[in-house]
Every structure is written in structure tokens, then in C-alpha cells.
Amino acid sequence: MTSEEYEVVGVPRAALLRRGFALEYATLSWNVVGIVVLAIAAIGARSVALAGFGLDSLIEIGASTVVIWELSGTGEERQKRALKLIGAGFALLAVYLLVQSTWVLATGFRPHHSPLGIVWTAVTAAVMFALAAGKARTGAALDNPVLKTEGRVTLIDGLLAAAVLIGLVLNTTAGLWWADPLAGYVLVYYAVREVKEIFTGDH
């Protein structure tokens, strides 16, 4: 075994793998708790955005599970299957955002105020951005496209949390209920772009 197999960019490969697992388990745990918090907040505020964000958390749980599975094994075919599963998660996220945003705008649905939703989405945005950065660095060090791709899923999760947060704040402070669904359309673009890259790019 060569020294390159033992170490990557000065850090033992085993340590990088442990870091990758830790990042994924942290993401998984956060989103499991998030589903419960978001369910309580969504029911209390009758908020479609918060309920939808709970669905996004489910997609992120699925993506984290895929990466944990992939990091446990080796082989190009396993890596390709993992990438396709993450691509499917992106596609589901894009469909969810498109349907939810269109439905909210078409019906003019106005949620109640949600202090719990505001606090949770604000903290979640910060946590997801930090986790996404860690996954990008670790995935690059390991030269692992699955971890890097799932890091972009986490980044989009953070962007979605920020979009939902902005919508909740604007609804609470100015009654602008349509701000959140408009932000959702922007995130559809990012999700679709990632789906295209995964299924047509050269990994």
C-alpha cells in the first residue's frame, strides 16, 4: 500500500472517512429531530411551507443514508448507484418545490405566524451551510463524488431553510405571504441543475 493510500492532503484517509461519517450522521440526526419540530410548527401555523420543508428533511435523510452506505463500501458501480439515488432525491426536491410554490400562489393560502418555525429554520440554515462546507472539503480530499454531491444537497437544504425563513419573517412583519413560494422557484433551478449534472455529467 502506498503512502498516498494512507494519507490524503496530509490527513490519514481513515480520519477523513471518519469525518465523512460524522458529517453524515450529524445531518441525519438533525433532520430526524427537524421532522418532529417542523410537524409541530406546521400544524400550529397551518403552514404549507413548513410542512413542505419537513418533506425536504426526509429527502436529506435519504441522501445522508445513501452516502453512509456508499462510504461503507468500495467500487465504481456502487458509487454510480449512490449518485443516481442522490439525483433522484434532487428530482423529488425540485418537484416538491414546484408543486408547493405553484399551489400556494394559485390558492393564495396564508399561514399563521410561527415563532417556532422562524427560530428552527434560522438555526437549520446555519447548521446546513456549515455541514455542506465540511462535506465539500472532505469529499474533495477523499476524491469522493458521492460525498461532494450530497454536500450540494445539504447546501440546497440550507438555501431552502433560508427561503422559508424569509417567507415566514415577511409574512409575520409585512403580510407578504407570497414571498416564500417565489423563493421556492429559485431553488427549483438549483435542484434541476444538480439532477442534470448527476445524470448527464462525467463522474
Protein backbone atom coordinates (compact mmCIF):
# COMPACT_ATOMS: atom_id res chain seq x y z
CA MET A 1 0.00 0.00 0.00
CA THR A 2 1.40 3.43 -0.95
CA SER A 3 1.68 6.46 1.31
CA GLU A 4 -0.97 8.13 -0.85
CA GLU A 5 -3.43 5.41 0.19
CA TYR A 6 -2.59 6.06 3.83
CA GLU A 7 -2.86 9.83 3.69
CA VAL A 8 -4.77 12.40 1.67
CA VAL A 9 -3.62 16.05 1.75
CA GLY A 10 -1.68 15.37 4.92
CA VAL A 11 -4.62 13.78 6.76
CA PRO A 12 -4.89 9.98 7.16
CA ARG A 13 -7.55 8.58 4.85
CA ALA A 14 -9.15 6.75 7.76
CA ALA A 15 -9.53 10.06 9.60
CA LEU A 16 -11.16 11.63 6.54
CA LEU A 17 -13.58 8.71 6.31
CA ARG A 18 -14.45 9.11 10.00
CA ARG A 19 -15.05 12.81 9.37
CA GLY A 20 -17.30 11.97 6.43
CA PHE A 21 -19.32 9.55 8.56
CA ALA A 22 -19.55 12.13 11.38
CA LEU A 23 -20.85 14.80 8.99
CA GLU A 24 -23.49 12.46 7.59
CA TYR A 25 -24.63 11.22 11.00
CA ALA A 26 -24.87 14.84 12.20
CA THR A 27 -27.01 15.71 9.17
CA LEU A 28 -29.15 12.63 9.68
CA SER A 29 -29.73 13.33 13.37
CA TRP A 30 -30.52 17.00 12.80
CA ASN A 31 -33.13 16.21 10.16
CA VAL A 32 -34.76 13.45 12.21
CA VAL A 33 -35.28 15.96 15.03
CA GLY A 34 -36.30 18.55 12.42
CA ILE A 35 -39.18 16.45 11.13
CA VAL A 36 -40.73 16.45 14.61
CA VAL A 37 -40.16 20.18 15.18
CA LEU A 38 -41.45 21.08 11.72
CA ALA A 39 -44.55 18.92 12.15
CA ILE A 40 -45.40 20.76 15.39
CA ALA A 41 -44.70 24.17 13.81
CA ALA A 42 -46.59 23.38 10.60
CA ILE A 43 -49.70 22.17 12.41
CA GLY A 44 -49.66 25.15 14.77
CA ALA A 45 -49.27 27.71 11.97
CA ARG A 46 -51.17 25.78 9.27
CA SER A 47 -48.11 26.48 7.12
CA VAL A 48 -47.67 24.70 3.80
CA ALA A 49 -44.08 25.96 3.61
CA LEU A 50 -43.13 24.40 6.95
CA ALA A 51 -44.88 21.15 6.08
CA GLY A 52 -43.03 21.11 2.76
CA PHE A 53 -39.73 21.78 4.47
CA GLY A 54 -40.38 18.68 6.53
CA LEU A 55 -40.54 16.74 3.24
CA ASP A 56 -37.21 18.27 2.27
CA SER A 57 -35.80 16.97 5.55
CA LEU A 58 -36.96 13.49 4.59
CA ILE A 59 -35.11 13.78 1.27
CA GLU A 60 -31.98 14.90 3.10
CA ILE A 61 -32.28 11.90 5.44
CA GLY A 62 -32.44 9.65 2.40
CA ALA A 63 -29.39 11.32 0.83
CA SER A 64 -27.37 11.01 4.05
CA THR A 65 -28.32 7.33 4.31
CA VAL A 66 -27.10 6.77 0.74
CA VAL A 67 -23.72 8.37 1.48
CA ILE A 68 -23.27 6.37 4.71
CA TRP A 69 -23.97 3.24 2.66
CA GLU A 70 -21.53 4.29 -0.05
CA LEU A 71 -18.72 5.21 2.36
CA SER A 72 -19.02 1.74 3.89
CA GLY A 73 -18.12 0.06 0.60
CA THR A 74 -16.00 0.47 -2.47
CA GLY A 75 -16.28 0.17 -6.23
CA GLU A 76 -17.27 2.35 -9.14
CA GLU A 77 -20.63 0.64 -9.71
CA ARG A 78 -21.67 1.18 -6.09
CA GLN A 79 -20.62 4.82 -6.41
CA LYS A 80 -22.69 5.26 -9.59
CA ARG A 81 -25.76 3.75 -7.95
CA ALA A 82 -25.32 6.07 -4.96
CA LEU A 83 -25.04 9.11 -7.25
CA LYS A 84 -28.22 8.13 -9.08
CA LEU A 85 -30.09 7.78 -5.80
CA ILE A 86 -28.95 11.26 -4.77
CA GLY A 87 -30.00 12.54 -8.21
CA ALA A 88 -33.45 11.06 -7.60
CA GLY A 89 -33.55 12.94 -4.30
CA PHE A 90 -32.80 16.19 -6.11
CA ALA A 91 -35.55 15.44 -8.63
CA LEU A 92 -38.07 14.83 -5.85
CA LEU A 93 -37.00 18.08 -4.19
CA ALA A 94 -37.49 20.01 -7.46
CA VAL A 95 -40.95 18.50 -7.97
CA TYR A 96 -41.93 19.26 -4.38
CA LEU A 97 -40.79 22.88 -4.64
CA LEU A 98 -42.51 23.42 -7.98
CA VAL A 99 -45.83 21.90 -6.89
CA GLN A 100 -45.84 23.56 -3.47
CA SER A 101 -44.91 27.03 -4.74
CA THR A 102 -47.46 26.90 -7.56
CA TRP A 103 -50.22 25.65 -5.27
CA VAL A 104 -49.58 28.33 -2.64
CA LEU A 105 -49.55 31.12 -5.23
CA ALA A 106 -52.65 29.81 -7.03
CA THR A 107 -54.74 29.42 -3.89
CA GLY A 108 -53.44 32.47 -2.04
CA PHE A 109 -53.02 30.34 1.08
CA ARG A 110 -51.98 32.45 4.08
CA PRO A 111 -50.33 30.69 7.01
CA HIS A 112 -50.46 31.90 10.61
CA HIS A 113 -47.38 33.36 12.28
CA SER A 114 -44.85 30.79 13.54
CA PRO A 115 -42.15 31.90 16.00
CA LEU A 116 -41.05 28.25 16.36
CA GLY A 117 -40.75 27.92 12.58
CA ILE A 118 -38.68 31.12 12.35
CA VAL A 119 -36.24 30.02 15.06
CA TRP A 120 -35.87 26.49 13.68
CA THR A 121 -35.34 27.49 10.04
CA ALA A 122 -32.82 30.17 11.06
CA VAL A 123 -30.73 27.71 13.07
CA THR A 124 -31.16 24.99 10.43
CA ALA A 125 -29.85 27.28 7.68
CA ALA A 126 -26.68 27.98 9.67
CA VAL A 127 -26.16 24.30 10.54
CA MET A 128 -26.73 23.10 6.96
CA PHE A 129 -24.31 25.67 5.50
CA ALA A 130 -21.62 24.54 7.95
CA LEU A 131 -22.24 20.85 7.21
CA ALA A 132 -22.25 21.48 3.45
CA ALA A 133 -18.86 23.21 3.66
CA GLY A 134 -17.45 20.32 5.68
CA LYS A 135 -18.75 17.75 3.20
CA ALA A 136 -17.33 19.69 0.24
CA ARG A 137 -13.85 19.82 1.82
CA THR A 138 -13.89 16.20 2.98
CA GLY A 139 -15.33 14.92 -0.31
CA ALA A 140 -12.65 16.80 -2.26
CA ALA A 141 -9.88 15.44 -0.01
CA LEU A 142 -11.18 11.89 -0.46
CA ASP A 143 -11.92 12.50 -4.16
CA ASN A 144 -15.37 11.09 -3.44
CA PRO A 145 -18.02 12.48 -5.84
CA VAL A 146 -20.88 10.99 -3.79
CA LEU A 147 -19.94 12.92 -0.65
CA LYS A 148 -19.34 16.10 -2.67
CA THR A 149 -22.70 15.74 -4.44
CA GLU A 150 -24.56 15.11 -1.20
CA GLY A 151 -22.85 18.20 0.17
CA ARG A 152 -24.69 20.16 -2.52
CA VAL A 153 -27.94 18.54 -1.35
CA THR A 154 -27.14 19.87 2.12
CA LEU A 155 -26.36 23.30 0.67
CA ILE A 156 -29.74 23.38 -1.07
CA ASP A 157 -31.34 22.29 2.21
CA GLY A 158 -29.73 25.34 3.83
CA LEU A 159 -30.89 27.61 1.00
CA LEU A 160 -34.40 26.24 1.32
CA ALA A 161 -34.33 26.84 5.09
CA ALA A 162 -33.27 30.44 4.41
CA ALA A 163 -36.03 30.85 1.82
CA VAL A 164 -38.66 29.50 4.19
CA LEU A 165 -37.26 31.75 6.94
CA ILE A 166 -37.54 34.83 4.71
CA GLY A 167 -41.09 33.90 3.80
CA LEU A 168 -42.08 33.39 7.44
CA VAL A 169 -40.48 36.69 8.51
CA LEU A 170 -42.07 38.67 5.67
CA ASN A 171 -45.44 37.08 6.38
CA THR A 172 -45.12 37.95 10.07
CA THR A 173 -43.80 41.51 9.66
CA ALA A 174 -45.41 42.69 6.42
CA GLY A 175 -48.11 40.19 5.48
CA LEU A 176 -46.24 39.24 2.28
CA TRP A 177 -47.43 35.64 2.14
CA TRP A 178 -46.23 35.15 -1.46
CA ALA A 179 -42.50 35.72 -0.68
CA ASP A 180 -41.82 32.10 0.25
CA PRO A 181 -43.31 30.42 -2.88
CA LEU A 182 -41.41 32.87 -5.12
CA ALA A 183 -38.15 31.91 -3.41
CA GLY A 184 -39.10 28.28 -3.97
CA TYR A 185 -38.95 28.76 -7.75
CA VAL A 186 -35.34 29.93 -7.49
CA LEU A 187 -34.43 26.76 -5.61
CA VAL A 188 -36.14 24.63 -8.28
CA TYR A 189 -33.49 25.87 -10.71
CA TYR A 190 -30.63 24.74 -8.46
CA ALA A 191 -32.18 21.32 -7.86
CA VAL A 192 -32.82 20.73 -11.58
CA ARG A 193 -29.26 21.78 -12.40
CA GLU A 194 -27.88 19.20 -9.98
CA VAL A 195 -30.13 16.47 -11.44
CA LYS A 196 -28.83 17.29 -14.92
CA GLU A 197 -25.20 17.23 -13.75
CA ILE A 198 -25.59 13.89 -11.98
CA PHE A 199 -27.34 12.08 -14.81
CA THR A 200 -25.51 13.62 -17.78
CA GLY A 201 -22.14 14.65 -16.34
CA ASP A 202 -18.95 12.65 -16.32
CA HIS A 203 -18.34 11.43 -12.75
